[in-house]
Amino acid sequence: MLSKELESALNDQVAMEARASASYLAMASWMEGEGFDGTAQFLYAQSDEERMHMLKLFHYINEVGGFALSPAVLAPSTTFNSYKEVFDKILNQEQQVTAAINRLMDLATKEADHTTANFLQWYVSEQREEEAQFNTIINKLKIIGNDGSGLYLIDRDLAGMAAAAAKASSKGFSAE
């Protein structure tokens, strides 16, 4: 049975994942408006992935006897100063999610809730992958700077990543 403290903390994580999904959606819209259609596709896919993370937590809470709460989500920022600023904000957001997952893992471990700790291990691994991915993108953006042809190429690369993830997902596999 899930403790009330852990249930509350997991519901907080549901809300955090919902905010991340909304944030990615807003960033995708901005990118699309700026002509970075490939990056927009990538960020739309990231928004869907965050929603999946939210639903995975939501179902888990109910499955183990808690009560999952549908979160209210405030509107995220919709304007940005640069392509790189979007990815800097993404990395910061992912680092916050990682910290929150680590706190959840600490709480589950403290409570000797091995089932929840085991469940959360997937999120620990997922966050390592997310941060590595966005660090790589930011490092490339540092090399590119504001060079239009470089931004074009990274936009194209991100479109390819989004297409590969969609293809894997449609075959029943997860690109996560």
Protein backbone atom coordinates (compact mmCIF):
# COMPACT_ATOMS: atom_id res chain seq x y z
CA MET A 1 0.00 0.00 0.00
CA LEU A 2 1.22 3.43 -0.89
CA SER A 3 1.85 5.83 1.99
CA LYS A 4 -0.01 9.15 1.91
CA GLU A 5 3.32 11.02 1.77
CA LEU A 6 4.53 9.04 -1.23
CA GLU A 7 1.12 9.27 -2.90
CA SER A 8 1.24 13.05 -2.56
CA ALA A 9 4.81 13.20 -3.88
CA LEU A 10 3.89 11.01 -6.86
CA ASN A 11 0.91 13.25 -7.62
CA ASP A 12 3.29 16.22 -7.52
CA GLN A 13 5.39 14.40 -10.11
CA VAL A 14 2.27 13.84 -12.24
CA ALA A 15 1.80 17.62 -12.22
CA MET A 16 5.47 18.20 -13.08
CA GLU A 17 5.24 15.85 -16.07
CA ALA A 18 2.05 17.62 -17.22
CA ARG A 19 3.83 21.00 -17.01
CA ALA A 20 6.75 19.60 -18.99
CA SER A 21 4.38 18.34 -21.68
CA ALA A 22 2.71 21.74 -21.94
CA SER A 23 6.08 23.47 -22.03
CA TYR A 24 7.32 21.29 -24.90
CA LEU A 25 4.07 21.99 -26.73
CA ALA A 26 4.56 25.76 -26.40
CA MET A 27 8.18 25.48 -27.52
CA ALA A 28 7.14 23.38 -30.53
CA SER A 29 4.64 26.02 -31.55
CA TRP A 30 7.28 28.77 -31.28
CA MET A 31 9.74 26.72 -33.35
CA GLU A 32 7.12 26.07 -35.99
CA GLY A 33 6.34 29.78 -36.15
CA GLU A 34 10.05 30.51 -36.61
CA GLY A 35 10.32 28.08 -39.53
CA PHE A 36 12.07 25.26 -37.67
CA ASP A 37 9.58 22.57 -38.64
CA GLY A 38 11.93 19.67 -37.87
CA THR A 39 12.61 20.95 -34.39
CA ALA A 40 8.88 21.52 -33.92
CA GLN A 41 8.19 17.88 -34.84
CA PHE A 42 10.86 16.79 -32.34
CA LEU A 43 9.37 18.96 -29.58
CA TYR A 44 5.81 17.81 -30.33
CA ALA A 45 7.09 14.25 -29.88
CA GLN A 46 8.76 15.29 -26.60
CA SER A 47 5.44 16.73 -25.44
CA ASP A 48 3.73 13.41 -26.18
CA GLU A 49 6.50 11.55 -24.34
CA GLU A 50 6.09 13.72 -21.23
CA ARG A 51 2.34 13.07 -21.30
CA MET A 52 3.09 9.33 -21.48
CA HIS A 53 5.38 9.73 -18.45
CA MET A 54 2.54 11.51 -16.65
CA LEU A 55 0.03 8.77 -17.49
CA LYS A 56 2.43 6.03 -16.46
CA LEU A 57 2.68 7.65 -13.00
CA PHE A 58 -1.06 8.30 -12.93
CA HIS A 59 -1.91 4.64 -13.56
CA TYR A 60 0.74 3.45 -11.10
CA ILE A 61 -0.69 5.55 -8.28
CA ASN A 62 -4.15 4.07 -8.81
CA GLU A 63 -2.78 0.56 -9.32
CA VAL A 64 -1.10 0.51 -5.90
CA GLY A 65 -4.11 1.80 -4.00
CA GLY A 66 -3.56 5.54 -4.16
CA PHE A 67 -5.67 8.15 -5.88
CA ALA A 68 -4.13 9.92 -8.86
CA LEU A 69 -5.05 13.56 -9.27
CA SER A 70 -5.51 15.26 -12.62
CA PRO A 71 -3.29 18.33 -12.40
CA ALA A 72 -4.13 21.90 -13.29
CA VAL A 73 -1.44 23.30 -15.55
CA LEU A 74 -0.60 26.96 -15.88
CA ALA A 75 0.14 28.24 -19.38
CA PRO A 76 3.88 27.99 -20.14
CA SER A 77 6.01 30.68 -21.76
CA THR A 78 5.24 31.00 -25.46
CA THR A 79 7.94 33.38 -26.65
CA PHE A 80 11.68 32.93 -26.71
CA ASN A 81 14.64 35.06 -27.76
CA SER A 82 16.54 32.39 -29.65
CA TYR A 83 16.69 28.79 -30.75
CA LYS A 84 19.38 28.10 -28.15
CA GLU A 85 17.33 29.68 -25.37
CA VAL A 86 14.65 27.07 -25.96
CA PHE A 87 17.13 24.25 -25.45
CA ASP A 88 18.70 25.92 -22.43
CA LYS A 89 15.22 26.05 -20.88
CA ILE A 90 14.61 22.43 -21.82
CA LEU A 91 17.81 21.26 -20.15
CA ASN A 92 16.94 23.24 -17.01
CA GLN A 93 13.45 21.72 -17.01
CA GLU A 94 14.85 18.20 -17.41
CA GLN A 95 17.34 18.79 -14.58
CA GLN A 96 14.45 19.83 -12.34
CA VAL A 97 12.56 16.67 -13.28
CA THR A 98 15.66 14.58 -12.52
CA ALA A 99 15.98 16.19 -9.10
CA ALA A 100 12.31 15.50 -8.38
CA ILE A 101 12.63 11.85 -9.47
CA ASN A 102 15.68 11.48 -7.23
CA ARG A 103 13.69 12.88 -4.28
CA LEU A 104 10.91 10.38 -5.02
CA MET A 105 13.44 7.56 -5.12
CA ASP A 106 14.89 8.74 -1.80
CA LEU A 107 11.42 8.76 -0.24
CA ALA A 108 10.51 5.32 -1.60
CA THR A 109 13.81 3.95 -0.31
CA LYS A 110 13.36 5.60 3.10
CA GLU A 111 9.91 4.04 3.37
CA ALA A 112 11.25 0.67 2.16
CA ASP A 113 8.63 0.79 -0.61
CA HIS A 114 10.56 -1.50 -2.94
CA THR A 115 7.72 -1.71 -5.46
CA THR A 116 7.69 2.04 -5.96
CA ALA A 117 11.49 2.25 -5.98
CA ASN A 118 11.54 -0.43 -8.68
CA PHE A 119 8.88 1.46 -10.66
CA LEU A 120 10.83 4.72 -10.34
CA GLN A 121 14.05 3.13 -11.61
CA TRP A 122 12.67 3.45 -15.15
CA TYR A 123 12.36 7.21 -14.62
CA VAL A 124 15.91 7.41 -13.24
CA SER A 125 17.25 5.81 -16.42
CA GLU A 126 14.96 7.88 -18.65
CA GLN A 127 16.14 11.13 -17.08
CA ARG A 128 19.79 10.20 -17.61
CA GLU A 129 19.01 9.69 -21.30
CA GLU A 130 17.01 12.94 -21.54
CA GLU A 131 19.73 15.07 -19.96
CA ALA A 132 22.43 13.47 -22.12
CA GLN A 133 20.38 14.11 -25.25
CA PHE A 134 19.80 17.77 -24.47
CA ASN A 135 23.39 18.34 -23.36
CA THR A 136 24.48 17.00 -26.76
CA ILE A 137 22.09 19.33 -28.59
CA ILE A 138 23.28 22.33 -26.55
CA ASN A 139 26.92 21.46 -27.20
CA LYS A 140 26.18 21.40 -30.94
CA LEU A 141 24.39 24.73 -30.64
CA LYS A 142 27.46 26.23 -28.95
CA ILE A 143 29.52 25.16 -31.95
CA ILE A 144 26.94 26.42 -34.45
CA GLY A 145 26.21 29.74 -32.78
CA ASN A 146 23.69 31.72 -34.81
CA ASP A 147 24.86 30.34 -38.14
CA GLY A 148 21.78 29.85 -40.31
CA SER A 149 23.13 26.85 -42.20
CA GLY A 150 24.11 25.17 -38.93
CA LEU A 151 20.64 25.75 -37.46
CA TYR A 152 19.15 24.39 -40.68
CA LEU A 153 21.20 21.21 -40.29
CA ILE A 154 20.32 20.68 -36.64
CA ASP A 155 16.65 21.30 -37.49
CA ARG A 156 16.92 18.58 -40.15
CA ASP A 157 18.66 16.22 -37.69
CA LEU A 158 15.93 16.71 -35.09
CA ALA A 159 13.27 16.02 -37.73
CA GLY A 160 15.02 12.73 -38.42
CA MET A 161 15.06 11.88 -34.72
CA ALA A 162 11.33 12.65 -34.47
CA ALA A 163 10.57 10.48 -37.51
CA ALA A 164 12.64 7.57 -36.14
CA ALA A 165 10.87 7.80 -32.78
CA ALA A 166 7.45 7.88 -34.48
CA LYS A 167 8.36 4.86 -36.61
CA ALA A 168 9.55 2.90 -33.58
CA SER A 169 6.44 3.88 -31.65
CA SER A 170 4.13 2.79 -34.47
CA LYS A 171 5.77 -0.64 -34.46
CA GLY A 172 5.05 -1.02 -30.77
CA PHE A 173 8.52 -0.09 -29.63
CA SER A 174 9.43 2.92 -27.56
CA ALA A 175 12.24 5.27 -28.60
CA GLU A 176 12.75 6.18 -24.96
